[in-house]
């Protein structure tokens, strides 16, 4: 049995704000602007024996510290958002692929509407996600080097908002695009070994 979780620290910034939003996303806002009170750090994967005893603790330090969008002065950073993860067991049960979805940057979008006697401008900040992955040998307790999809490309690629992964046979396919949405990257990860 495996259990994945993420460590965070509370920065004690801000206060008040939308309690429902805070309960859902771990975000707190105030009247002077948003304050993001949690800074998410490493991911932990705990391996338990069949009788429930802890066998090993695997740790990955995520590279999402203070990453913003390109010069957009976002009020939040990538480490204000929790990462998600899942494990895929090999056919022989001797290893798992640990796949983590994490925020790598923040995109800024500004829309303006000019009415009869006023102009309304709305600024939206959106987290941009990527995949970090590695393989863990459950017998020896060793792991491969963890890599980030698309890091070896000339451009920065981020997962599509929707329909960004599909499993076909022994492969996971991930669909990413650049911030400008002018290039598409299809990445393939073998998981069936």
N, C-alpha and C. Protein backbone atom coordinates (compact mmCIF):
# COMPACT_ATOMS: atom_id res chain seq x y z
N UNK A 1 0.85 -1.17 0.00
CA UNK A 1 0.00 0.00 0.00
C UNK A 1 0.90 1.24 0.00
N UNK A 2 0.47 2.27 -0.72
CA UNK A 2 1.24 3.51 -0.82
C UNK A 2 0.33 4.69 -0.48
N UNK A 3 0.93 5.71 0.14
CA UNK A 3 0.20 6.92 0.48
C UNK A 3 1.07 8.11 0.11
N UNK A 4 0.53 9.02 -0.72
CA UNK A 4 1.27 10.22 -1.14
C UNK A 4 0.68 11.43 -0.42
N UNK A 5 1.57 12.32 0.03
CA UNK A 5 1.13 13.56 0.67
C UNK A 5 2.18 14.64 0.45
N UNK A 6 1.79 15.88 0.73
CA UNK A 6 2.68 17.01 0.51
C UNK A 6 2.81 17.84 1.77
N UNK A 7 4.04 18.28 2.03
CA UNK A 7 4.33 19.14 3.17
C UNK A 7 4.08 20.59 2.80
N UNK A 8 3.65 21.39 3.76
CA UNK A 8 3.49 22.82 3.53
C UNK A 8 3.79 23.56 4.82
N UNK A 9 4.06 24.84 4.67
CA UNK A 9 4.19 25.67 5.86
C UNK A 9 3.22 26.82 5.74
N UNK A 10 2.69 27.24 6.87
CA UNK A 10 1.75 28.34 6.91
C UNK A 10 2.54 29.62 7.09
N UNK A 11 2.38 30.57 6.17
CA UNK A 11 3.15 31.81 6.23
C UNK A 11 2.53 32.85 7.13
N UNK A 12 1.33 32.58 7.64
CA UNK A 12 0.61 33.51 8.53
C UNK A 12 0.33 34.86 7.87
N UNK A 13 0.36 34.91 6.55
CA UNK A 13 0.10 36.17 5.84
C UNK A 13 -1.40 36.37 5.68
N UNK A 14 -1.82 37.61 5.66
CA UNK A 14 -3.21 37.95 5.37
C UNK A 14 -4.15 37.51 6.48
N UNK A 15 -5.41 37.48 6.14
CA UNK A 15 -6.41 37.07 7.10
C UNK A 15 -7.77 37.43 6.56
N UNK A 16 -8.80 37.01 7.25
CA UNK A 16 -10.16 37.30 6.81
C UNK A 16 -10.42 36.70 5.45
N UNK A 17 -11.21 37.38 4.67
CA UNK A 17 -11.43 36.96 3.30
C UNK A 17 -12.51 35.91 3.15
N UNK A 18 -12.52 35.29 2.03
CA UNK A 18 -13.52 34.32 1.63
C UNK A 18 -13.25 32.98 2.29
N UNK A 19 -14.02 32.63 3.31
CA UNK A 19 -13.78 31.40 4.04
C UNK A 19 -14.08 30.17 3.19
N UNK A 20 -15.07 30.24 2.30
CA UNK A 20 -15.37 29.10 1.45
C UNK A 20 -14.21 28.84 0.50
N UNK A 21 -13.69 29.89 -0.12
CA UNK A 21 -12.54 29.74 -1.00
C UNK A 21 -11.36 29.19 -0.23
N UNK A 22 -11.15 29.69 0.98
CA UNK A 22 -10.05 29.20 1.81
C UNK A 22 -10.20 27.73 2.14
N UNK A 23 -11.43 27.30 2.43
CA UNK A 23 -11.66 25.90 2.75
C UNK A 23 -11.45 25.00 1.54
N UNK A 24 -11.82 25.46 0.36
CA UNK A 24 -11.69 24.65 -0.84
C UNK A 24 -10.25 24.61 -1.34
N UNK A 25 -9.60 25.75 -1.42
CA UNK A 25 -8.29 25.83 -2.08
C UNK A 25 -7.14 26.15 -1.14
N UNK A 26 -7.40 26.32 0.14
CA UNK A 26 -6.32 26.67 1.04
C UNK A 26 -5.83 28.08 0.83
N UNK A 27 -6.70 28.96 0.33
CA UNK A 27 -6.33 30.34 -0.01
C UNK A 27 -7.11 31.28 0.88
N UNK A 28 -6.47 32.34 1.35
CA UNK A 28 -7.14 33.34 2.16
C UNK A 28 -7.00 34.70 1.49
N UNK A 29 -8.06 35.48 1.47
CA UNK A 29 -8.01 36.80 0.85
C UNK A 29 -8.38 37.85 1.88
N UNK A 30 -7.94 39.08 1.63
CA UNK A 30 -8.29 40.19 2.51
C UNK A 30 -8.76 41.36 1.67
N UNK A 31 -9.25 42.39 2.30
CA UNK A 31 -9.76 43.54 1.55
C UNK A 31 -8.65 44.31 0.85
N UNK A 32 -7.42 44.16 1.28
CA UNK A 32 -6.30 44.85 0.63
C UNK A 32 -5.70 44.03 -0.50
N UNK A 33 -6.31 42.93 -0.86
CA UNK A 33 -5.80 42.07 -1.93
C UNK A 33 -5.60 40.66 -1.42
N UNK A 34 -5.37 39.74 -2.32
CA UNK A 34 -5.25 38.35 -1.93
C UNK A 34 -3.96 38.08 -1.15
N UNK A 35 -4.07 37.19 -0.19
CA UNK A 35 -2.90 36.72 0.55
C UNK A 35 -2.95 35.20 0.53
N UNK A 36 -1.92 34.58 0.04
CA UNK A 36 -1.88 33.13 -0.08
C UNK A 36 -1.04 32.61 1.08
N UNK A 37 -1.68 31.93 2.02
CA UNK A 37 -1.07 31.65 3.30
C UNK A 37 -0.28 30.36 3.37
N UNK A 38 -0.39 29.48 2.41
CA UNK A 38 0.35 28.23 2.46
C UNK A 38 1.43 28.22 1.39
N UNK A 39 2.60 27.70 1.76
CA UNK A 39 3.69 27.49 0.82
C UNK A 39 3.95 25.99 0.81
N UNK A 40 3.67 25.35 -0.35
CA UNK A 40 3.80 23.91 -0.47
C UNK A 40 5.22 23.53 -0.83
N UNK A 41 5.68 22.43 -0.23
CA UNK A 41 7.08 22.05 -0.38
C UNK A 41 7.18 20.63 -0.94
N UNK A 42 7.92 19.76 -0.28
CA UNK A 42 8.22 18.43 -0.80
C UNK A 42 7.03 17.50 -0.84
N UNK A 43 7.14 16.50 -1.71
CA UNK A 43 6.14 15.43 -1.80
C UNK A 43 6.71 14.19 -1.12
N UNK A 44 5.86 13.47 -0.42
CA UNK A 44 6.26 12.26 0.28
C UNK A 44 5.40 11.10 -0.20
N UNK A 45 6.04 9.96 -0.39
CA UNK A 45 5.34 8.74 -0.75
C UNK A 45 5.71 7.70 0.30
N UNK A 46 4.72 7.24 1.06
CA UNK A 46 4.95 6.28 2.13
C UNK A 46 4.58 4.89 1.64
N UNK A 47 5.47 3.94 1.83
CA UNK A 47 5.23 2.55 1.43
C UNK A 47 4.98 1.73 2.69
N UNK A 48 3.85 1.03 2.72
CA UNK A 48 3.48 0.22 3.87
C UNK A 48 3.46 -1.25 3.49
N UNK A 49 3.74 -2.12 4.47
CA UNK A 49 3.65 -3.56 4.26
C UNK A 49 2.18 -3.97 4.30
N UNK A 50 1.91 -5.23 4.01
CA UNK A 50 0.53 -5.72 4.01
C UNK A 50 -0.11 -5.63 5.39
N UNK A 51 0.71 -5.69 6.45
CA UNK A 51 0.16 -5.59 7.80
C UNK A 51 0.14 -4.16 8.33
N UNK A 52 0.42 -3.17 7.46
CA UNK A 52 0.27 -1.76 7.82
C UNK A 52 1.48 -1.09 8.43
N UNK A 53 2.63 -1.75 8.40
CA UNK A 53 3.85 -1.15 8.95
C UNK A 53 4.57 -0.35 7.87
N UNK A 54 5.13 0.79 8.29
CA UNK A 54 5.87 1.64 7.36
C UNK A 54 7.14 0.94 6.91
N UNK A 55 7.31 0.79 5.59
CA UNK A 55 8.49 0.15 5.02
C UNK A 55 9.52 1.20 4.62
N UNK A 56 9.07 2.20 3.84
CA UNK A 56 9.97 3.25 3.36
C UNK A 56 9.21 4.56 3.20
N UNK A 57 10.01 5.65 3.24
CA UNK A 57 9.49 6.99 2.98
C UNK A 57 10.32 7.57 1.85
N UNK A 58 9.67 7.85 0.72
CA UNK A 58 10.34 8.45 -0.43
C UNK A 58 9.99 9.94 -0.46
N UNK A 59 10.98 10.79 -0.74
CA UNK A 59 10.78 12.23 -0.72
C UNK A 59 11.30 12.85 -2.00
N UNK A 60 10.52 13.77 -2.57
CA UNK A 60 10.95 14.53 -3.74
C UNK A 60 10.75 16.01 -3.43
N UNK A 61 11.81 16.80 -3.59
CA UNK A 61 11.70 18.25 -3.44
C UNK A 61 11.25 18.82 -4.77
N UNK A 62 10.11 19.49 -4.79
CA UNK A 62 9.56 20.02 -6.03
C UNK A 62 10.20 21.34 -6.39
N UNK A 63 10.42 21.54 -7.68
CA UNK A 63 11.02 22.78 -8.18
C UNK A 63 9.91 23.74 -8.59
N UNK A 64 9.25 24.33 -7.61
CA UNK A 64 8.19 25.29 -7.92
C UNK A 64 8.29 26.51 -7.01
N UNK A 65 9.41 26.71 -6.37
CA UNK A 65 9.60 27.80 -5.42
C UNK A 65 9.55 29.15 -6.10
N UNK A 66 8.63 29.98 -5.67
CA UNK A 66 8.54 31.39 -6.10
C UNK A 66 8.51 31.59 -7.60
N UNK A 67 7.99 30.64 -8.37
CA UNK A 67 7.93 30.82 -9.82
C UNK A 67 6.65 31.55 -10.18
N UNK A 68 6.80 32.62 -10.94
CA UNK A 68 5.67 33.41 -11.42
C UNK A 68 5.64 33.32 -12.93
N UNK A 69 4.69 34.00 -13.54
CA UNK A 69 4.68 34.12 -14.98
C UNK A 69 5.76 35.09 -15.42
N UNK A 70 5.94 35.22 -16.70
CA UNK A 70 7.00 36.07 -17.24
C UNK A 70 6.68 37.53 -16.95
N UNK A 71 7.34 38.11 -15.94
CA UNK A 71 7.24 39.53 -15.60
C UNK A 71 5.80 40.02 -15.42
N UNK A 72 4.94 39.21 -14.77
CA UNK A 72 3.55 39.63 -14.64
C UNK A 72 3.19 40.13 -13.24
N UNK A 73 4.12 40.14 -12.32
CA UNK A 73 3.89 40.64 -10.96
C UNK A 73 2.67 40.00 -10.31
N UNK A 74 2.56 38.71 -10.44
CA UNK A 74 1.45 37.96 -9.86
C UNK A 74 1.48 38.06 -8.34
N UNK A 75 0.30 38.15 -7.69
CA UNK A 75 0.26 38.17 -6.23
C UNK A 75 0.49 36.79 -5.62
N UNK A 76 0.62 35.78 -6.46
CA UNK A 76 0.83 34.42 -5.98
C UNK A 76 2.03 33.81 -6.71
N UNK A 77 2.58 32.77 -6.13
CA UNK A 77 3.68 32.05 -6.76
C UNK A 77 3.29 30.59 -6.90
N UNK A 78 4.06 29.85 -7.67
CA UNK A 78 3.73 28.45 -7.95
C UNK A 78 3.66 27.61 -6.68
N UNK A 79 4.46 27.95 -5.68
CA UNK A 79 4.44 27.15 -4.46
C UNK A 79 3.26 27.45 -3.54
N UNK A 80 2.34 28.32 -3.97
CA UNK A 80 1.09 28.55 -3.23
C UNK A 80 0.03 27.51 -3.59
N UNK A 81 0.32 26.64 -4.54
CA UNK A 81 -0.65 25.64 -5.00
C UNK A 81 -0.13 24.25 -4.69
N UNK A 82 -1.00 23.38 -4.15
CA UNK A 82 -0.55 22.01 -3.87
C UNK A 82 -0.34 21.22 -5.15
N UNK A 83 0.58 20.29 -5.09
CA UNK A 83 0.79 19.36 -6.20
C UNK A 83 -0.10 18.15 -5.98
N UNK A 84 -0.47 17.51 -7.06
CA UNK A 84 -1.21 16.26 -6.99
C UNK A 84 -0.31 15.15 -7.49
N UNK A 85 -0.55 13.93 -7.05
CA UNK A 85 0.28 12.84 -7.53
C UNK A 85 -0.50 11.54 -7.54
N UNK A 86 0.02 10.61 -8.31
CA UNK A 86 -0.53 9.26 -8.32
C UNK A 86 0.59 8.29 -8.66
N UNK A 87 0.40 7.04 -8.26
CA UNK A 87 1.38 6.00 -8.55
C UNK A 87 0.74 4.95 -9.45
N UNK A 88 1.55 4.42 -10.35
CA UNK A 88 1.10 3.37 -11.26
C UNK A 88 2.03 2.18 -11.06
N UNK A 89 1.48 1.08 -10.60
CA UNK A 89 2.28 -0.11 -10.31
C UNK A 89 2.66 -0.83 -11.59
N UNK A 90 3.88 -1.39 -11.62
CA UNK A 90 4.32 -2.17 -12.78
C UNK A 90 3.57 -3.50 -12.80
N UNK A 91 3.64 -4.20 -13.93
CA UNK A 91 2.93 -5.47 -14.08
C UNK A 91 3.41 -6.51 -13.07
N UNK A 92 4.73 -6.51 -12.79
CA UNK A 92 5.27 -7.50 -11.85
C UNK A 92 5.16 -7.06 -10.39
N UNK A 93 4.71 -5.83 -10.13
CA UNK A 93 4.52 -5.35 -8.78
C UNK A 93 5.80 -4.97 -8.04
N UNK A 94 6.93 -4.95 -8.76
CA UNK A 94 8.21 -4.66 -8.11
C UNK A 94 8.61 -3.19 -8.17
N UNK A 95 7.89 -2.40 -8.94
CA UNK A 95 8.20 -0.97 -9.04
C UNK A 95 6.92 -0.17 -9.28
N UNK A 96 7.02 1.13 -9.04
CA UNK A 96 5.91 2.04 -9.34
C UNK A 96 6.46 3.26 -10.06
N UNK A 97 5.64 3.83 -10.91
CA UNK A 97 5.92 5.13 -11.51
C UNK A 97 5.20 6.15 -10.66
N UNK A 98 5.93 7.15 -10.18
CA UNK A 98 5.34 8.21 -9.36
C UNK A 98 5.24 9.44 -10.24
N UNK A 99 4.02 9.86 -10.52
CA UNK A 99 3.74 10.98 -11.43
C UNK A 99 3.12 12.11 -10.61
N UNK A 100 3.72 13.31 -10.69
CA UNK A 100 3.25 14.46 -9.92
C UNK A 100 2.86 15.60 -10.85
N UNK A 101 1.70 16.17 -10.61
CA UNK A 101 1.22 17.34 -11.37
C UNK A 101 1.41 18.56 -10.48
N UNK A 102 2.24 19.51 -10.94
CA UNK A 102 2.55 20.67 -10.11
C UNK A 102 2.54 21.95 -10.92
N UNK A 103 2.35 23.06 -10.22
CA UNK A 103 2.35 24.38 -10.86
C UNK A 103 3.80 24.79 -11.13
N UNK A 104 4.07 25.21 -12.37
CA UNK A 104 5.41 25.66 -12.75
C UNK A 104 5.48 27.17 -12.99
N UNK A 105 4.35 27.81 -13.26
CA UNK A 105 4.33 29.26 -13.51
C UNK A 105 2.91 29.77 -13.32
N UNK A 106 2.77 31.09 -13.33
CA UNK A 106 1.47 31.75 -13.22
C UNK A 106 1.27 32.62 -14.46
N UNK A 107 0.12 32.43 -15.13
CA UNK A 107 -0.20 33.20 -16.33
C UNK A 107 -1.10 34.38 -15.94
N UNK A 108 -0.87 35.52 -16.56
CA UNK A 108 -1.68 36.71 -16.30
C UNK A 108 -2.48 37.03 -17.55
N UNK A 109 -3.78 37.23 -17.38
CA UNK A 109 -4.66 37.60 -18.49
C UNK A 109 -5.46 38.82 -18.06
N UNK A 110 -5.48 39.83 -18.90
CA UNK A 110 -6.20 41.07 -18.58
C UNK A 110 -7.23 41.32 -19.68
N UNK A 111 -8.48 41.51 -19.27
CA UNK A 111 -9.58 41.82 -20.19
C UNK A 111 -10.19 43.16 -19.79
N UNK A 112 -10.51 43.97 -20.80
CA UNK A 112 -11.15 45.27 -20.54
C UNK A 112 -12.46 45.35 -21.30
N UNK A 113 -13.43 45.96 -20.66
CA UNK A 113 -14.73 46.20 -21.29
C UNK A 113 -15.04 47.68 -21.12
N UNK A 114 -15.30 48.35 -22.23
CA UNK A 114 -15.64 49.77 -22.19
C UNK A 114 -17.13 49.91 -22.42
N UNK A 115 -17.80 50.42 -21.40
CA UNK A 115 -19.24 50.65 -21.49
C UNK A 115 -19.54 52.09 -21.88
N UNK A 116 -20.75 52.53 -21.60
CA UNK A 116 -21.20 53.87 -21.99
C UNK A 116 -20.39 54.95 -21.29
N UNK A 117 -20.17 54.79 -19.98
CA UNK A 117 -19.44 55.83 -19.26
C UNK A 117 -18.34 55.29 -18.34
N UNK A 118 -17.94 54.04 -18.54
CA UNK A 118 -16.88 53.49 -17.69
C UNK A 118 -16.15 52.36 -18.42
N UNK A 119 -14.98 52.06 -17.93
CA UNK A 119 -14.20 50.93 -18.44
C UNK A 119 -13.92 49.99 -17.27
N UNK A 120 -14.21 48.73 -17.47
CA UNK A 120 -13.96 47.72 -16.45
C UNK A 120 -12.81 46.84 -16.92
N UNK A 121 -11.81 46.68 -16.08
CA UNK A 121 -10.67 45.82 -16.40
C UNK A 121 -10.62 44.69 -15.38
N UNK A 122 -10.51 43.48 -15.89
CA UNK A 122 -10.42 42.30 -15.04
C UNK A 122 -9.09 41.62 -15.29
N UNK A 123 -8.35 41.36 -14.23
CA UNK A 123 -7.08 40.65 -14.34
C UNK A 123 -7.25 39.28 -13.70
N UNK A 124 -6.86 38.25 -14.43
CA UNK A 124 -6.98 36.88 -13.96
C UNK A 124 -5.60 36.24 -13.95
N UNK A 125 -5.25 35.59 -12.85
CA UNK A 125 -4.00 34.84 -12.74
C UNK A 125 -4.35 33.36 -12.73
N UNK A 126 -3.73 32.59 -13.61
CA UNK A 126 -4.04 31.18 -13.75
C UNK A 126 -2.78 30.34 -13.54
N UNK A 127 -2.84 29.31 -12.69
CA UNK A 127 -1.67 28.45 -12.53
C UNK A 127 -1.45 27.60 -13.79
N UNK A 128 -0.20 27.44 -14.19
CA UNK A 128 0.18 26.61 -15.33
C UNK A 128 0.90 25.37 -14.80
N UNK A 129 0.40 24.20 -15.18
CA UNK A 129 0.87 22.94 -14.61
C UNK A 129 1.85 22.20 -15.52
N UNK A 130 2.66 21.36 -14.89
CA UNK A 130 3.57 20.48 -15.60
C UNK A 130 3.62 19.15 -14.85
N UNK A 131 4.31 18.18 -15.42
CA UNK A 131 4.42 16.85 -14.84
C UNK A 131 5.87 16.58 -14.45
N UNK A 132 6.06 16.08 -13.23
CA UNK A 132 7.37 15.59 -12.80
C UNK A 132 7.17 14.11 -12.50
N UNK A 133 8.11 13.27 -12.93
CA UNK A 133 7.91 11.83 -12.80
C UNK A 133 9.22 11.10 -12.53
N UNK A 134 9.10 9.91 -11.98
CA UNK A 134 10.23 9.03 -11.73
C UNK A 134 9.73 7.64 -11.41
N UNK A 135 10.66 6.69 -11.39
CA UNK A 135 10.29 5.30 -11.10
C UNK A 135 10.97 4.87 -9.81
N UNK A 136 10.24 4.13 -8.98
CA UNK A 136 10.76 3.66 -7.70
C UNK A 136 10.78 2.14 -7.71
N UNK A 137 11.94 1.56 -7.39
CA UNK A 137 12.10 0.12 -7.24
C UNK A 137 11.70 -0.22 -5.81
N UNK A 138 10.58 -0.91 -5.64
CA UNK A 138 10.05 -1.18 -4.31
C UNK A 138 10.87 -2.21 -3.54
N UNK A 139 11.59 -3.08 -4.25
CA UNK A 139 12.40 -4.10 -3.60
C UNK A 139 13.64 -3.50 -2.96
N UNK A 140 14.37 -2.70 -3.74
CA UNK A 140 15.63 -2.12 -3.23
C UNK A 140 15.43 -0.76 -2.55
N UNK A 141 14.31 -0.11 -2.80
CA UNK A 141 14.06 1.21 -2.22
C UNK A 141 14.77 2.34 -2.94
N UNK A 142 15.23 2.09 -4.16
CA UNK A 142 15.92 3.12 -4.93
C UNK A 142 14.97 3.74 -5.95
N UNK A 143 15.34 4.92 -6.41
CA UNK A 143 14.50 5.59 -7.41
C UNK A 143 15.37 6.11 -8.55
N UNK A 144 14.72 6.29 -9.68
CA UNK A 144 15.39 6.92 -10.81
C UNK A 144 15.48 8.41 -10.55
N UNK A 145 16.17 9.11 -11.41
CA UNK A 145 16.19 10.57 -11.33
C UNK A 145 14.80 11.06 -11.73
N UNK A 146 14.26 12.03 -11.00
CA UNK A 146 12.96 12.58 -11.34
C UNK A 146 13.14 13.67 -12.38
N UNK A 147 12.30 13.63 -13.40
CA UNK A 147 12.40 14.56 -14.52
C UNK A 147 11.10 15.32 -14.69
N UNK A 148 11.18 16.46 -15.37
CA UNK A 148 10.00 17.26 -15.68
C UNK A 148 9.76 17.20 -17.18
N UNK A 149 8.53 16.84 -17.57
CA UNK A 149 8.20 16.76 -19.00
C UNK A 149 8.42 18.10 -19.68
N UNK A 150 9.06 18.06 -20.84
CA UNK A 150 9.25 19.26 -21.64
C UNK A 150 10.43 20.12 -21.25
N UNK A 151 11.18 19.75 -20.19
CA UNK A 151 12.31 20.58 -19.77
C UNK A 151 13.44 20.62 -20.78
N UNK A 152 13.55 19.61 -21.63
CA UNK A 152 14.64 19.60 -22.62
C UNK A 152 14.26 20.32 -23.91
N UNK A 153 13.10 20.92 -23.95
CA UNK A 153 12.66 21.67 -25.13
C UNK A 153 13.15 23.11 -25.05
N UNK A 154 13.19 23.80 -26.20
CA UNK A 154 13.61 25.21 -26.25
C UNK A 154 12.59 26.12 -25.57
N UNK A 155 11.32 25.78 -25.68
CA UNK A 155 10.24 26.59 -25.10
C UNK A 155 9.74 25.94 -23.82
N UNK A 156 9.08 26.73 -22.98
CA UNK A 156 8.42 26.20 -21.79
C UNK A 156 7.04 25.70 -22.19
N UNK A 157 6.73 24.47 -21.79
CA UNK A 157 5.44 23.88 -22.10
C UNK A 157 4.69 23.61 -20.80
N UNK A 158 3.36 23.81 -20.85
CA UNK A 158 2.50 23.60 -19.70
C UNK A 158 1.32 22.75 -20.13
N UNK A 159 0.81 21.91 -19.22
CA UNK A 159 -0.30 21.01 -19.54
C UNK A 159 -1.52 21.79 -20.03
N UNK A 160 -2.22 21.20 -20.99
CA UNK A 160 -3.49 21.78 -21.43
C UNK A 160 -4.44 21.81 -20.24
N UNK A 161 -5.35 22.76 -20.22
CA UNK A 161 -6.29 22.88 -19.09
C UNK A 161 -7.14 21.63 -18.93
N UNK A 162 -7.63 21.11 -20.04
CA UNK A 162 -8.51 19.94 -20.00
C UNK A 162 -7.96 18.89 -20.95
N UNK A 163 -8.26 17.65 -20.68
CA UNK A 163 -7.87 16.54 -21.55
C UNK A 163 -6.37 16.56 -21.82
N UNK A 164 -5.58 16.59 -20.75
CA UNK A 164 -4.14 16.70 -20.91
C UNK A 164 -3.39 15.37 -20.76
N UNK A 165 -4.12 14.28 -20.53
CA UNK A 165 -3.48 12.98 -20.39
C UNK A 165 -4.40 11.87 -20.87
N UNK A 166 -3.79 10.87 -21.49
CA UNK A 166 -4.54 9.68 -21.87
C UNK A 166 -3.60 8.48 -21.70
N UNK A 167 -4.16 7.37 -21.25
CA UNK A 167 -3.38 6.13 -21.13
C UNK A 167 -3.77 5.21 -22.26
N UNK A 168 -2.77 4.76 -23.01
CA UNK A 168 -2.99 3.80 -24.09
C UNK A 168 -1.98 2.67 -23.89
N UNK A 169 -2.47 1.51 -23.51
CA UNK A 169 -1.59 0.37 -23.27
C UNK A 169 -0.61 0.65 -22.15
N UNK A 170 0.68 0.47 -22.46
CA UNK A 170 1.74 0.66 -21.47
C UNK A 170 2.31 2.08 -21.47
N UNK A 171 1.58 3.03 -22.03
CA UNK A 171 2.08 4.41 -22.12
C UNK A 171 1.06 5.42 -21.60
N UNK A 172 1.60 6.48 -20.99
CA UNK A 172 0.81 7.67 -20.68
C UNK A 172 1.23 8.74 -21.67
N UNK A 173 0.27 9.41 -22.26
CA UNK A 173 0.55 10.53 -23.17
C UNK A 173 0.06 11.81 -22.50
N UNK A 174 0.94 12.81 -22.49
CA UNK A 174 0.61 14.11 -21.91
C UNK A 174 0.62 15.16 -23.01
N UNK A 175 -0.34 16.08 -22.96
CA UNK A 175 -0.48 17.12 -23.98
C UNK A 175 -0.23 18.48 -23.34
N UNK A 176 0.79 19.16 -23.84
CA UNK A 176 1.21 20.46 -23.30
C UNK A 176 1.28 21.48 -24.41
N UNK A 177 1.25 22.75 -24.02
CA UNK A 177 1.38 23.84 -24.98
C UNK A 177 2.21 24.96 -24.37
N UNK A 178 2.67 25.88 -25.22
CA UNK A 178 3.40 27.05 -24.74
C UNK A 178 2.39 28.04 -24.14
N UNK A 179 2.90 29.06 -23.45
CA UNK A 179 2.01 30.07 -22.86
C UNK A 179 1.20 30.79 -23.92
N UNK A 180 1.77 30.98 -25.10
CA UNK A 180 1.07 31.66 -26.19
C UNK A 180 0.13 30.72 -26.94
N UNK A 181 0.14 29.44 -26.61
CA UNK A 181 -0.66 28.42 -27.29
C UNK A 181 -0.31 28.30 -28.76
N UNK A 182 0.95 28.56 -29.12
CA UNK A 182 1.35 28.47 -30.52
C UNK A 182 2.07 27.17 -30.86
N UNK A 183 2.43 26.36 -29.84
CA UNK A 183 3.10 25.09 -30.08
C UNK A 183 2.51 24.05 -29.15
N UNK A 184 2.41 22.81 -29.66
CA UNK A 184 1.87 21.69 -28.90
C UNK A 184 2.98 20.66 -28.71
N UNK A 185 3.06 20.09 -27.52
CA UNK A 185 4.04 19.05 -27.22
C UNK A 185 3.27 17.82 -26.74
N UNK A 186 3.53 16.68 -27.38
CA UNK A 186 2.96 15.41 -26.95
C UNK A 186 4.11 14.60 -26.35
N UNK A 187 4.01 14.27 -25.07
CA UNK A 187 5.05 13.52 -24.37
C UNK A 187 4.53 12.14 -24.05
N UNK A 188 5.42 11.15 -24.18
CA UNK A 188 5.03 9.76 -23.93
C UNK A 188 5.89 9.21 -22.79
N UNK A 189 5.23 8.57 -21.83
CA UNK A 189 5.90 7.99 -20.68
C UNK A 189 5.54 6.51 -20.60
N UNK A 190 6.56 5.64 -20.67
CA UNK A 190 6.32 4.20 -20.58
C UNK A 190 6.09 3.82 -19.13
N UNK A 191 4.99 3.11 -18.87
CA UNK A 191 4.65 2.76 -17.49
C UNK A 191 4.46 1.27 -17.29
N UNK A 192 4.49 0.48 -18.35
CA UNK A 192 4.11 -0.92 -18.24
C UNK A 192 5.18 -1.88 -17.81
N UNK A 193 6.39 -1.42 -17.53
CA UNK A 193 7.48 -2.34 -17.19
C UNK A 193 7.39 -2.79 -15.76
